[in-house]
């Protein structure tokens, strides 16, 4: 690995709309070389899912996403049989049609894991919020990530045509197993620094003036220091900036009423709305401008 390789890879991520630091750029580059999964941990809203989307663009391949949740099982994550079509085939055979295998791959309904394994070209497989899935599913996932194959009793073992590039994300709602961590590269995604968030804004919203972008980032960075139920993430910053552009504001203290109206982009709970009133909105605005 050379520094130029990492720099070129980060440039590709930037063109795909994601601003990556050297550490994250190196981790993603290693995913493509070592063919190891990458576990991304961090608070909700820091941009973990966007990393997988950007990687798929850089590699010019499709993104396959498995959204995890409590109770996720094999039929939702891997495959299930198309029972209606199988039943129609059985009835056709009973009516004299030529006999054919009922458990045929054509009757498989692919779910994300099987779709990733059966893809001709290596996709990016995003296993989103793995911490929301049960420990039993996490244990099943270990086998898939170790061998990149799926066992279907009626068909046998289906091996990957090409190894997908795997990104797992976790918001830290529960502790993941050491076995899963051992199989993955690891990177913690934190809230961005002032300069990085400013670069993100300027990259995603090029029509935003530098002056207003700096005020927006300064305000949001101070807001994250307040004791909120849901601190605003990068997505909220981008939404708020876009809303301010829609209202035609050039600076945050231009129109207090409009500013308050746009806070729906940043504050997502009643408690946080009330909390902001306690810390004085005007003071946060004054610090930003």
C-alpha atoms as a PDB file:
ATOM      1  CA  UNK A   1       0.000   0.000   0.000  1.00  0.00           C
ATOM      2  CA  UNK A   2       1.309   3.450  -0.868  1.00  0.00           C
ATOM      3  CA  UNK A   3       0.123   6.848   0.260  1.00  0.00           C
ATOM      4  CA  UNK A   4      -0.774   7.581  -3.363  1.00  0.00           C
ATOM      5  CA  UNK A   5      -3.118   4.570  -3.428  1.00  0.00           C
ATOM      6  CA  UNK A   6      -4.941   5.875  -0.368  1.00  0.00           C
ATOM      7  CA  UNK A   7      -5.017   9.427  -1.723  1.00  0.00           C
ATOM      8  CA  UNK A   8      -6.482   8.237  -5.037  1.00  0.00           C
ATOM      9  CA  UNK A   9      -9.071   6.142  -3.198  1.00  0.00           C
ATOM     10  CA  UNK A  10     -10.091   9.093  -1.024  1.00  0.00           C
ATOM     11  CA  UNK A  11     -10.393  11.211  -4.152  1.00  0.00           C
ATOM     12  CA  UNK A  12     -12.762   8.621  -5.575  1.00  0.00           C
ATOM     13  CA  UNK A  13     -14.843   8.734  -2.397  1.00  0.00           C
ATOM     14  CA  UNK A  14     -14.944  12.536  -2.606  1.00  0.00           C
ATOM     15  CA  UNK A  15     -16.203  12.351  -6.187  1.00  0.00           C
ATOM     16  CA  UNK A  16     -18.869   9.959  -4.912  1.00  0.00           C
ATOM     17  CA  UNK A  17     -19.926  12.625  -2.411  1.00  0.00           C
ATOM     18  CA  UNK A  18     -18.243  11.339   0.735  1.00  0.00           C
ATOM     19  CA  UNK A  19     -15.479  13.179   2.599  1.00  0.00           C
ATOM     20  CA  UNK A  20     -13.228  10.530   4.166  1.00  0.00           C
ATOM     21  CA  UNK A  21     -10.201  11.096   6.379  1.00  0.00           C
ATOM     22  CA  UNK A  22      -6.984   9.109   5.904  1.00  0.00           C
ATOM     23  CA  UNK A  23      -7.887   6.470   8.497  1.00  0.00           C
ATOM     24  CA  UNK A  24     -11.278   5.679   6.981  1.00  0.00           C
ATOM     25  CA  UNK A  25      -9.856   5.818   3.464  1.00  0.00           C
ATOM     26  CA  UNK A  26      -7.221   3.254   4.451  1.00  0.00           C
ATOM     27  CA  UNK A  27      -9.831   0.987   6.038  1.00  0.00           C
ATOM     28  CA  UNK A  28     -12.042   1.024   2.939  1.00  0.00           C
ATOM     29  CA  UNK A  29      -9.060   0.445   0.672  1.00  0.00           C
ATOM     30  CA  UNK A  30      -8.127  -2.608   2.751  1.00  0.00           C
ATOM     31  CA  UNK A  31     -11.676  -3.932   2.409  1.00  0.00           C
ATOM     32  CA  UNK A  32     -11.116  -4.117  -1.341  1.00  0.00           C
ATOM     33  CA  UNK A  33      -7.682  -5.732  -1.005  1.00  0.00           C
ATOM     34  CA  UNK A  34      -8.076  -8.125   1.934  1.00  0.00           C
ATOM     35  CA  UNK A  35     -11.730  -8.952   1.166  1.00  0.00           C
ATOM     36  CA  UNK A  36     -12.521  -8.636   4.859  1.00  0.00           C
ATOM     37  CA  UNK A  37     -15.729  -7.120   6.277  1.00  0.00           C
ATOM     38  CA  UNK A  38     -15.501  -3.660   7.823  1.00  0.00           C
ATOM     39  CA  UNK A  39     -17.406  -2.943  11.035  1.00  0.00           C
ATOM     40  CA  UNK A  40     -18.371   0.715  11.412  1.00  0.00           C
ATOM     41  CA  UNK A  41     -19.523   1.840  14.842  1.00  0.00           C
ATOM     42  CA  UNK A  42     -20.794   5.247  15.890  1.00  0.00           C
ATOM     43  CA  UNK A  43     -23.875   7.211  16.883  1.00  0.00           C
ATOM     44  CA  UNK A  44     -26.872   7.269  14.607  1.00  0.00           C
ATOM     45  CA  UNK A  45     -26.575  10.034  12.019  1.00  0.00           C
ATOM     46  CA  UNK A  46     -22.802  10.206  11.646  1.00  0.00           C
ATOM     47  CA  UNK A  47     -22.903   8.873   8.078  1.00  0.00           C
ATOM     48  CA  UNK A  48     -22.114   5.161   8.385  1.00  0.00           C
ATOM     49  CA  UNK A  49     -24.651   4.075   5.772  1.00  0.00           C
ATOM     50  CA  UNK A  50     -23.408   6.737   3.366  1.00  0.00           C
ATOM     51  CA  UNK A  51     -19.946   5.175   3.516  1.00  0.00           C
ATOM     52  CA  UNK A  52     -21.268   1.943   1.990  1.00  0.00           C
ATOM     53  CA  UNK A  53     -23.119   3.884  -0.708  1.00  0.00           C
ATOM     54  CA  UNK A  54     -19.967   5.822  -1.581  1.00  0.00           C
ATOM     55  CA  UNK A  55     -17.886   2.622  -1.694  1.00  0.00           C
ATOM     56  CA  UNK A  56     -20.330   1.072  -4.165  1.00  0.00           C
ATOM     57  CA  UNK A  57     -19.994   4.138  -6.399  1.00  0.00           C
ATOM     58  CA  UNK A  58     -16.198   4.047  -6.240  1.00  0.00           C
ATOM     59  CA  UNK A  59     -16.149   0.356  -7.146  1.00  0.00           C
ATOM     60  CA  UNK A  60     -18.861   0.901  -9.785  1.00  0.00           C
ATOM     61  CA  UNK A  61     -20.935  -1.958  -8.437  1.00  0.00           C
ATOM     62  CA  UNK A  62     -24.395  -2.409  -6.977  1.00  0.00           C
ATOM     63  CA  UNK A  63     -25.230  -1.912  -3.311  1.00  0.00           C
ATOM     64  CA  UNK A  64     -27.238  -4.648  -1.592  1.00  0.00           C
ATOM     65  CA  UNK A  65     -28.626  -3.653   1.797  1.00  0.00           C
ATOM     66  CA  UNK A  66     -29.805  -5.850   4.643  1.00  0.00           C
ATOM     67  CA  UNK A  67     -31.601  -3.754   7.255  1.00  0.00           C
ATOM     68  CA  UNK A  68     -31.374  -5.543  10.590  1.00  0.00           C
ATOM     69  CA  UNK A  69     -34.081  -5.558  13.254  1.00  0.00           C
ATOM     70  CA  UNK A  70     -35.138  -7.633  16.234  1.00  0.00           C
ATOM     71  CA  UNK A  71     -36.517 -10.969  15.073  1.00  0.00           C
ATOM     72  CA  UNK A  72     -34.692 -10.977  11.718  1.00  0.00           C
ATOM     73  CA  UNK A  73     -34.525 -14.571  10.468  1.00  0.00           C
ATOM     74  CA  UNK A  74     -33.181 -16.618   7.564  1.00  0.00           C
ATOM     75  CA  UNK A  75     -36.335 -16.267   5.457  1.00  0.00           C
ATOM     76  CA  UNK A  76     -36.027 -12.481   5.567  1.00  0.00           C
ATOM     77  CA  UNK A  77     -32.245 -12.258   5.271  1.00  0.00           C
ATOM     78  CA  UNK A  78     -31.262 -15.158   2.997  1.00  0.00           C
ATOM     79  CA  UNK A  79     -34.044 -16.853   1.060  1.00  0.00           C
ATOM     80  CA  UNK A  80     -37.462 -18.435   1.060  1.00  0.00           C
ATOM     81  CA  UNK A  81     -39.284 -20.617  -1.427  1.00  0.00           C
ATOM     82  CA  UNK A  82     -41.939 -19.174  -3.692  1.00  0.00           C
ATOM     83  CA  UNK A  83     -44.643 -21.478  -2.408  1.00  0.00           C
ATOM     84  CA  UNK A  84     -47.349 -20.128  -4.714  1.00  0.00           C
ATOM     85  CA  UNK A  85     -45.324 -20.914  -7.842  1.00  0.00           C
ATOM     86  CA  UNK A  86     -44.382 -24.317  -6.446  1.00  0.00           C
ATOM     87  CA  UNK A  87     -48.045 -25.085  -5.828  1.00  0.00           C
ATOM     88  CA  UNK A  88     -48.940 -24.052  -9.375  1.00  0.00           C
ATOM     89  CA  UNK A  89     -46.225 -26.370 -10.678  1.00  0.00           C
ATOM     90  CA  UNK A  90     -47.595 -29.264  -8.635  1.00  0.00           C
ATOM     91  CA  UNK A  91     -51.115 -28.672  -9.951  1.00  0.00           C
ATOM     92  CA  UNK A  92     -49.822 -28.496 -13.517  1.00  0.00           C
ATOM     93  CA  UNK A  93     -48.105 -31.844 -13.087  1.00  0.00           C
ATOM     94  CA  UNK A  94     -51.286 -33.349 -11.653  1.00  0.00           C
ATOM     95  CA  UNK A  95     -53.083 -32.094 -14.776  1.00  0.00           C
ATOM     96  CA  UNK A  96     -50.628 -33.955 -16.994  1.00  0.00           C
ATOM     97  CA  UNK A  97     -47.852 -31.438 -17.493  1.00  0.00           C
ATOM     98  CA  UNK A  98     -44.285 -32.670 -17.740  1.00  0.00           C
ATOM     99  CA  UNK A  99     -42.808 -33.363 -14.313  1.00  0.00           C
ATOM    100  CA  UNK A 100     -40.137 -30.981 -13.050  1.00  0.00           C
ATOM    101  CA  UNK A 101     -38.264 -30.431  -9.813  1.00  0.00           C
ATOM    102  CA  UNK A 102     -40.253 -28.445  -7.274  1.00  0.00           C
ATOM    103  CA  UNK A 103     -37.171 -27.376  -5.345  1.00  0.00           C
ATOM    104  CA  UNK A 104     -35.505 -25.665  -8.250  1.00  0.00           C
ATOM    105  CA  UNK A 105     -33.441 -22.449  -8.006  1.00  0.00           C
ATOM    106  CA  UNK A 106     -36.025 -20.732 -10.197  1.00  0.00           C
ATOM    107  CA  UNK A 107     -38.456 -20.966  -7.285  1.00  0.00           C
ATOM    108  CA  UNK A 108     -36.084 -19.251  -4.857  1.00  0.00           C
ATOM    109  CA  UNK A 109     -36.922 -15.790  -3.599  1.00  0.00           C
ATOM    110  CA  UNK A 110     -33.554 -14.173  -2.985  1.00  0.00           C
ATOM    111  CA  UNK A 111     -33.116 -12.022   0.065  1.00  0.00           C
ATOM    112  CA  UNK A 112     -30.094  -9.707   0.517  1.00  0.00           C
ATOM    113  CA  UNK A 113     -27.507 -12.255   1.715  1.00  0.00           C
ATOM    114  CA  UNK A 114     -28.251 -14.799  -1.003  1.00  0.00           C
ATOM    115  CA  UNK A 115     -28.487 -12.056  -3.651  1.00  0.00           C
ATOM    116  CA  UNK A 116     -25.019 -10.834  -2.667  1.00  0.00           C
ATOM    117  CA  UNK A 117     -23.539 -14.325  -2.833  1.00  0.00           C
ATOM    118  CA  UNK A 118     -25.121 -15.129  -6.198  1.00  0.00           C
ATOM    119  CA  UNK A 119     -24.147 -11.857  -7.873  1.00  0.00           C
ATOM    120  CA  UNK A 120     -21.876 -12.308 -10.885  1.00  0.00           C
ATOM    121  CA  UNK A 121     -19.897  -9.161 -10.018  1.00  0.00           C
ATOM    122  CA  UNK A 122     -18.879  -8.523  -6.411  1.00  0.00           C
ATOM    123  CA  UNK A 123     -21.412  -6.106  -4.887  1.00  0.00           C
ATOM    124  CA  UNK A 124     -21.103  -4.022  -1.745  1.00  0.00           C
ATOM    125  CA  UNK A 125     -23.172  -5.763   0.922  1.00  0.00           C
ATOM    126  CA  UNK A 126     -24.367  -3.385   3.620  1.00  0.00           C
ATOM    127  CA  UNK A 127     -25.504  -5.116   6.815  1.00  0.00           C
ATOM    128  CA  UNK A 128     -27.068  -2.107   8.485  1.00  0.00           C
ATOM    129  CA  UNK A 129     -27.513  -1.821  12.256  1.00  0.00           C
ATOM    130  CA  UNK A 130     -26.344  -5.350  13.066  1.00  0.00           C
ATOM    131  CA  UNK A 131     -26.704  -4.500  16.768  1.00  0.00           C
ATOM    132  CA  UNK A 132     -30.484  -4.497  16.334  1.00  0.00           C
ATOM    133  CA  UNK A 133     -30.544  -8.148  15.258  1.00  0.00           C
ATOM    134  CA  UNK A 134     -30.710 -11.002  17.769  1.00  0.00           C
ATOM    135  CA  UNK A 135     -27.572 -12.763  18.957  1.00  0.00           C
ATOM    136  CA  UNK A 136     -28.834 -15.921  17.216  1.00  0.00           C
ATOM    137  CA  UNK A 137     -28.831 -14.174  13.856  1.00  0.00           C
ATOM    138  CA  UNK A 138     -25.404 -12.719  14.550  1.00  0.00           C
ATOM    139  CA  UNK A 139     -24.131 -16.273  15.129  1.00  0.00           C
ATOM    140  CA  UNK A 140     -25.639 -17.387  11.802  1.00  0.00           C
ATOM    141  CA  UNK A 141     -24.044 -14.415  10.088  1.00  0.00           C
ATOM    142  CA  UNK A 142     -20.597 -15.522  11.298  1.00  0.00           C
ATOM    143  CA  UNK A 143     -20.817 -18.639   9.129  1.00  0.00           C
ATOM    144  CA  UNK A 144     -21.835 -16.646   6.081  1.00  0.00           C
ATOM    145  CA  UNK A 145     -19.024 -14.115   6.528  1.00  0.00           C
ATOM    146  CA  UNK A 146     -16.443 -16.846   7.156  1.00  0.00           C
ATOM    147  CA  UNK A 147     -17.095 -18.966   4.071  1.00  0.00           C
ATOM    148  CA  UNK A 148     -19.328 -16.736   1.928  1.00  0.00           C
ATOM    149  CA  UNK A 149     -21.650 -19.614   1.245  1.00  0.00           C
ATOM    150  CA  UNK A 150     -25.226 -20.496   2.136  1.00  0.00           C
ATOM    151  CA  UNK A 151     -26.600 -23.970   2.807  1.00  0.00           C
ATOM    152  CA  UNK A 152     -30.074 -24.692   1.455  1.00  0.00           C
ATOM    153  CA  UNK A 153     -31.278 -28.162   2.537  1.00  0.00           C
ATOM    154  CA  UNK A 154     -33.110 -28.873  -0.732  1.00  0.00           C
ATOM    155  CA  UNK A 155     -30.262 -27.681  -2.983  1.00  0.00           C
ATOM    156  CA  UNK A 156     -27.069 -28.071  -1.001  1.00  0.00           C
ATOM    157  CA  UNK A 157     -24.388 -25.425  -0.503  1.00  0.00           C
ATOM    158  CA  UNK A 158     -24.336 -22.354  -2.724  1.00  0.00           C
ATOM    159  CA  UNK A 159     -20.902 -20.726  -2.798  1.00  0.00           C
ATOM    160  CA  UNK A 160     -20.274 -17.113  -3.676  1.00  0.00           C
ATOM    161  CA  UNK A 161     -19.610 -16.441  -7.349  1.00  0.00           C
ATOM    162  CA  UNK A 162     -17.529 -13.469  -6.213  1.00  0.00           C
ATOM    163  CA  UNK A 163     -16.854 -12.288  -2.665  1.00  0.00           C
ATOM    164  CA  UNK A 164     -18.935  -9.231  -1.804  1.00  0.00           C
ATOM    165  CA  UNK A 165     -17.348  -6.227  -0.109  1.00  0.00           C
ATOM    166  CA  UNK A 166     -19.092  -6.227   3.258  1.00  0.00           C
ATOM    167  CA  UNK A 167     -19.820  -3.205   5.434  1.00  0.00           C
ATOM    168  CA  UNK A 168     -21.489  -3.712   8.817  1.00  0.00           C
ATOM    169  CA  UNK A 169     -22.794  -0.795  10.856  1.00  0.00           C
ATOM    170  CA  UNK A 170     -23.661  -0.612  14.541  1.00  0.00           C
ATOM    171  CA  UNK A 171     -25.145   2.168  16.671  1.00  0.00           C
ATOM    172  CA  UNK A 172     -23.954   0.453  19.848  1.00  0.00           C
ATOM    173  CA  UNK A 173     -27.382  -0.495  21.200  1.00  0.00           C
ATOM    174  CA  UNK A 174     -25.913  -3.820  22.364  1.00  0.00           C
ATOM    175  CA  UNK A 175     -22.466  -5.337  22.628  1.00  0.00           C
ATOM    176  CA  UNK A 176     -21.414  -7.364  19.594  1.00  0.00           C
ATOM    177  CA  UNK A 177     -19.648 -10.690  20.032  1.00  0.00           C
ATOM    178  CA  UNK A 178     -15.866 -10.997  20.015  1.00  0.00           C
ATOM    179  CA  UNK A 179     -16.228 -13.624  17.273  1.00  0.00           C
ATOM    180  CA  UNK A 180     -17.860 -11.107  14.938  1.00  0.00           C
ATOM    181  CA  UNK A 181     -15.301  -8.424  15.742  1.00  0.00           C
ATOM    182  CA  UNK A 182     -12.419 -10.817  15.024  1.00  0.00           C
ATOM    183  CA  UNK A 183     -13.701 -11.389  11.512  1.00  0.00           C
ATOM    184  CA  UNK A 184     -13.912  -7.685  10.721  1.00  0.00           C
ATOM    185  CA  UNK A 185     -11.737  -4.688  10.177  1.00  0.00           C
ATOM    186  CA  UNK A 186     -12.878  -1.884  12.466  1.00  0.00           C
ATOM    187  CA  UNK A 187     -13.402   1.868  12.311  1.00  0.00           C
ATOM    188  CA  UNK A 188     -15.233   4.184  14.698  1.00  0.00           C
ATOM    189  CA  UNK A 189     -17.165   6.946  12.943  1.00  0.00           C
ATOM    190  CA  UNK A 190     -17.419  10.029  15.125  1.00  0.00           C
ATOM    191  CA  UNK A 191     -19.170  13.333  14.556  1.00  0.00           C
ATOM    192  CA  UNK A 192     -17.037  15.355  12.127  1.00  0.00           C
ATOM    193  CA  UNK A 193     -14.741  18.182  13.097  1.00  0.00           C
ATOM    194  CA  UNK A 194     -15.671  21.742  12.128  1.00  0.00           C
ATOM    195  CA  UNK A 195     -13.443  21.699   9.051  1.00  0.00           C
ATOM    196  CA  UNK A 196     -14.646  18.295   7.884  1.00  0.00           C
ATOM    197  CA  UNK A 197     -18.325  19.150   8.306  1.00  0.00           C
ATOM    198  CA  UNK A 198     -17.734  22.409   6.456  1.00  0.00           C
ATOM    199  CA  UNK A 199     -16.148  20.459   3.608  1.00  0.00           C
ATOM    200  CA  UNK A 200     -19.112  18.073   3.554  1.00  0.00           C
ATOM    201  CA  UNK A 201     -21.536  20.981   3.278  1.00  0.00           C
ATOM    202  CA  UNK A 202     -19.556  22.622   0.514  1.00  0.00           C
ATOM    203  CA  UNK A 203     -19.299  19.310  -1.359  1.00  0.00           C
ATOM    204  CA  UNK A 204     -22.966  18.376  -1.130  1.00  0.00           C
ATOM    205  CA  UNK A 205     -24.388  21.912  -1.427  1.00  0.00           C
ATOM    206  CA  UNK A 206     -22.025  23.838  -3.706  1.00  0.00           C
ATOM    207  CA  UNK A 207     -24.449  26.783  -4.015  1.00  0.00           C
ATOM    208  CA  UNK A 208     -24.176  27.452  -0.276  1.00  0.00           C
ATOM    209  CA  UNK A 209     -22.000  30.491   0.487  1.00  0.00           C
ATOM    210  CA  UNK A 210     -18.892  29.901   2.555  1.00  0.00           C
ATOM    211  CA  UNK A 211     -20.036  32.444   5.143  1.00  0.00           C
ATOM    212  CA  UNK A 212     -23.428  30.816   5.710  1.00  0.00           C
ATOM    213  CA  UNK A 213     -21.892  27.326   5.647  1.00  0.00           C
ATOM    214  CA  UNK A 214     -19.489  28.327   8.440  1.00  0.00           C
ATOM    215  CA  UNK A 215     -22.362  29.724  10.506  1.00  0.00           C
ATOM    216  CA  UNK A 216     -24.427  26.565  10.017  1.00  0.00           C
ATOM    217  CA  UNK A 217     -21.584  24.274  11.038  1.00  0.00           C
ATOM    218  CA  UNK A 218     -20.701  26.439  14.033  1.00  0.00           C
ATOM    219  CA  UNK A 219     -24.327  26.405  15.211  1.00  0.00           C
ATOM    220  CA  UNK A 220     -24.712  22.629  14.796  1.00  0.00           C
ATOM    221  CA  UNK A 221     -21.387  21.887  16.473  1.00  0.00           C
ATOM    222  CA  UNK A 222     -22.460  23.952  19.504  1.00  0.00           C
ATOM    223  CA  UNK A 223     -25.914  22.348  19.476  1.00  0.00           C
ATOM    224  CA  UNK A 224     -24.337  18.893  19.759  1.00  0.00           C
ATOM    225  CA  UNK A 225     -22.784  19.966  23.052  1.00  0.00           C
ATOM    226  CA  UNK A 226     -26.246  20.510  24.516  1.00  0.00           C
ATOM    227  CA  UNK A 227     -27.763  17.612  26.456  1.00  0.00           C
ATOM    228  CA  UNK A 228     -30.176  16.422  23.762  1.00  0.00           C
ATOM    229  CA  UNK A 229     -32.054  13.153  23.353  1.00  0.00           C
ATOM    230  CA  UNK A 230     -31.083  13.014  19.658  1.00  0.00           C
ATOM    231  CA  UNK A 231     -28.059  15.029  18.631  1.00  0.00           C
ATOM    232  CA  UNK A 232     -28.274  16.194  15.015  1.00  0.00           C
ATOM    233  CA  UNK A 233     -26.178  14.162  12.608  1.00  0.00           C
ATOM    234  CA  UNK A 234     -24.660  15.093   9.283  1.00  0.00           C
ATOM    235  CA  UNK A 235     -27.904  14.328   7.452  1.00  0.00           C
ATOM    236  CA  UNK A 236     -29.716  16.847   9.671  1.00  0.00           C
ATOM    237  CA  UNK A 237     -27.042  19.456   9.004  1.00  0.00           C
ATOM    238  CA  UNK A 238     -27.495  18.984   5.263  1.00  0.00           C
ATOM    239  CA  UNK A 239     -31.298  19.149   5.547  1.00  0.00           C
ATOM    240  CA  UNK A 240     -31.110  22.327   7.604  1.00  0.00           C
ATOM    241  CA  UNK A 241     -28.704  23.984   5.176  1.00  0.00           C
ATOM    242  CA  UNK A 242     -30.982  23.079   2.269  1.00  0.00           C
ATOM    243  CA  UNK A 243     -33.986  24.504   4.138  1.00  0.00           C
ATOM    244  CA  UNK A 244     -32.169  27.785   4.831  1.00  0.00           C
ATOM    245  CA  UNK A 245     -31.350  28.025   1.127  1.00  0.00           C
ATOM    246  CA  UNK A 246     -35.017  27.502   0.272  1.00  0.00           C
ATOM    247  CA  UNK A 247     -35.950  30.430   2.530  1.00  0.00           C
ATOM    248  CA  UNK A 248     -33.235  32.567   0.963  1.00  0.00           C
ATOM    249  CA  UNK A 249     -31.344  33.312   4.171  1.00  0.00           C
ATOM    250  CA  UNK A 250     -27.835  34.723   3.825  1.00  0.00           C
ATOM    251  CA  UNK A 251     -27.012  34.551   7.540  1.00  0.00           C
ATOM    252  CA  UNK A 252     -28.531  32.912  10.593  1.00  0.00           C
ATOM    253  CA  UNK A 253     -29.611  36.134  12.354  1.00  0.00           C
ATOM    254  CA  UNK A 254     -31.354  37.524   9.266  1.00  0.00           C
ATOM    255  CA  UNK A 255     -34.883  36.400  10.207  1.00  0.00           C
ATOM    256  CA  UNK A 256     -35.469  34.823  13.665  1.00  0.00           C
ATOM    257  CA  UNK A 257     -38.957  33.564  12.786  1.00  0.00           C
ATOM    258  CA  UNK A 258     -37.742  31.746   9.668  1.00  0.00           C
ATOM    259  CA  UNK A 259     -34.797  30.357  11.609  1.00  0.00           C
ATOM    260  CA  UNK A 260     -37.108  28.869  14.235  1.00  0.00           C
ATOM    261  CA  UNK A 261     -39.311  27.399  11.508  1.00  0.00           C
ATOM    262  CA  UNK A 262     -36.356  25.544  10.006  1.00  0.00           C
ATOM    263  CA  UNK A 263     -35.306  23.935  13.295  1.00  0.00           C
ATOM    264  CA  UNK A 264     -37.647  21.068  12.458  1.00  0.00           C
ATOM    265  CA  UNK A 265     -34.724  19.790  10.380  1.00  0.00           C
ATOM    266  CA  UNK A 266     -32.455  19.576  13.452  1.00  0.00           C
ATOM    267  CA  UNK A 267     -34.652  18.754  16.435  1.00  0.00           C
ATOM    268  CA  UNK A 268     -36.469  15.427  16.322  1.00  0.00           C
ATOM    269  CA  UNK A 269     -38.089  15.136  19.763  1.00  0.00           C
ATOM    270  CA  UNK A 270     -40.357  17.316  21.886  1.00  0.00           C
ATOM    271  CA  UNK A 271     -37.823  17.156  24.700  1.00  0.00           C
ATOM    272  CA  UNK A 272     -35.064  18.546  22.478  1.00  0.00           C
ATOM    273  CA  UNK A 273     -37.280  21.389  21.279  1.00  0.00           C
ATOM    274  CA  UNK A 274     -38.000  22.382  24.866  1.00  0.00           C
ATOM    275  CA  UNK A 275     -34.355  21.964  25.818  1.00  0.00           C
ATOM    276  CA  UNK A 276     -33.237  24.365  23.079  1.00  0.00           C
ATOM    277  CA  UNK A 277     -35.593  27.000  24.446  1.00  0.00           C
ATOM    278  CA  UNK A 278     -33.880  26.621  27.818  1.00  0.00           C
ATOM    279  CA  UNK A 279     -30.361  27.156  26.449  1.00  0.00           C
ATOM    280  CA  UNK A 280     -31.430  30.260  24.488  1.00  0.00           C
ATOM    281  CA  UNK A 281     -31.468  30.017  20.714  1.00  0.00           C
ATOM    282  CA  UNK A 282     -30.278  33.603  20.374  1.00  0.00           C
ATOM    283  CA  UNK A 283     -27.068  32.801  22.241  1.00  0.00           C
ATOM    284  CA  UNK A 284     -26.258  29.896  19.898  1.00  0.00           C
ATOM    285  CA  UNK A 285     -26.944  32.066  16.873  1.00  0.00           C
ATOM    286  CA  UNK A 286     -24.778  34.871  18.212  1.00  0.00           C
ATOM    287  CA  UNK A 287     -21.872  32.471  18.728  1.00  0.00           C
ATOM    288  CA  UNK A 288     -22.237  31.146  15.184  1.00  0.00           C
ATOM    289  CA  UNK A 289     -22.323  34.523  13.449  1.00  0.00           C
END
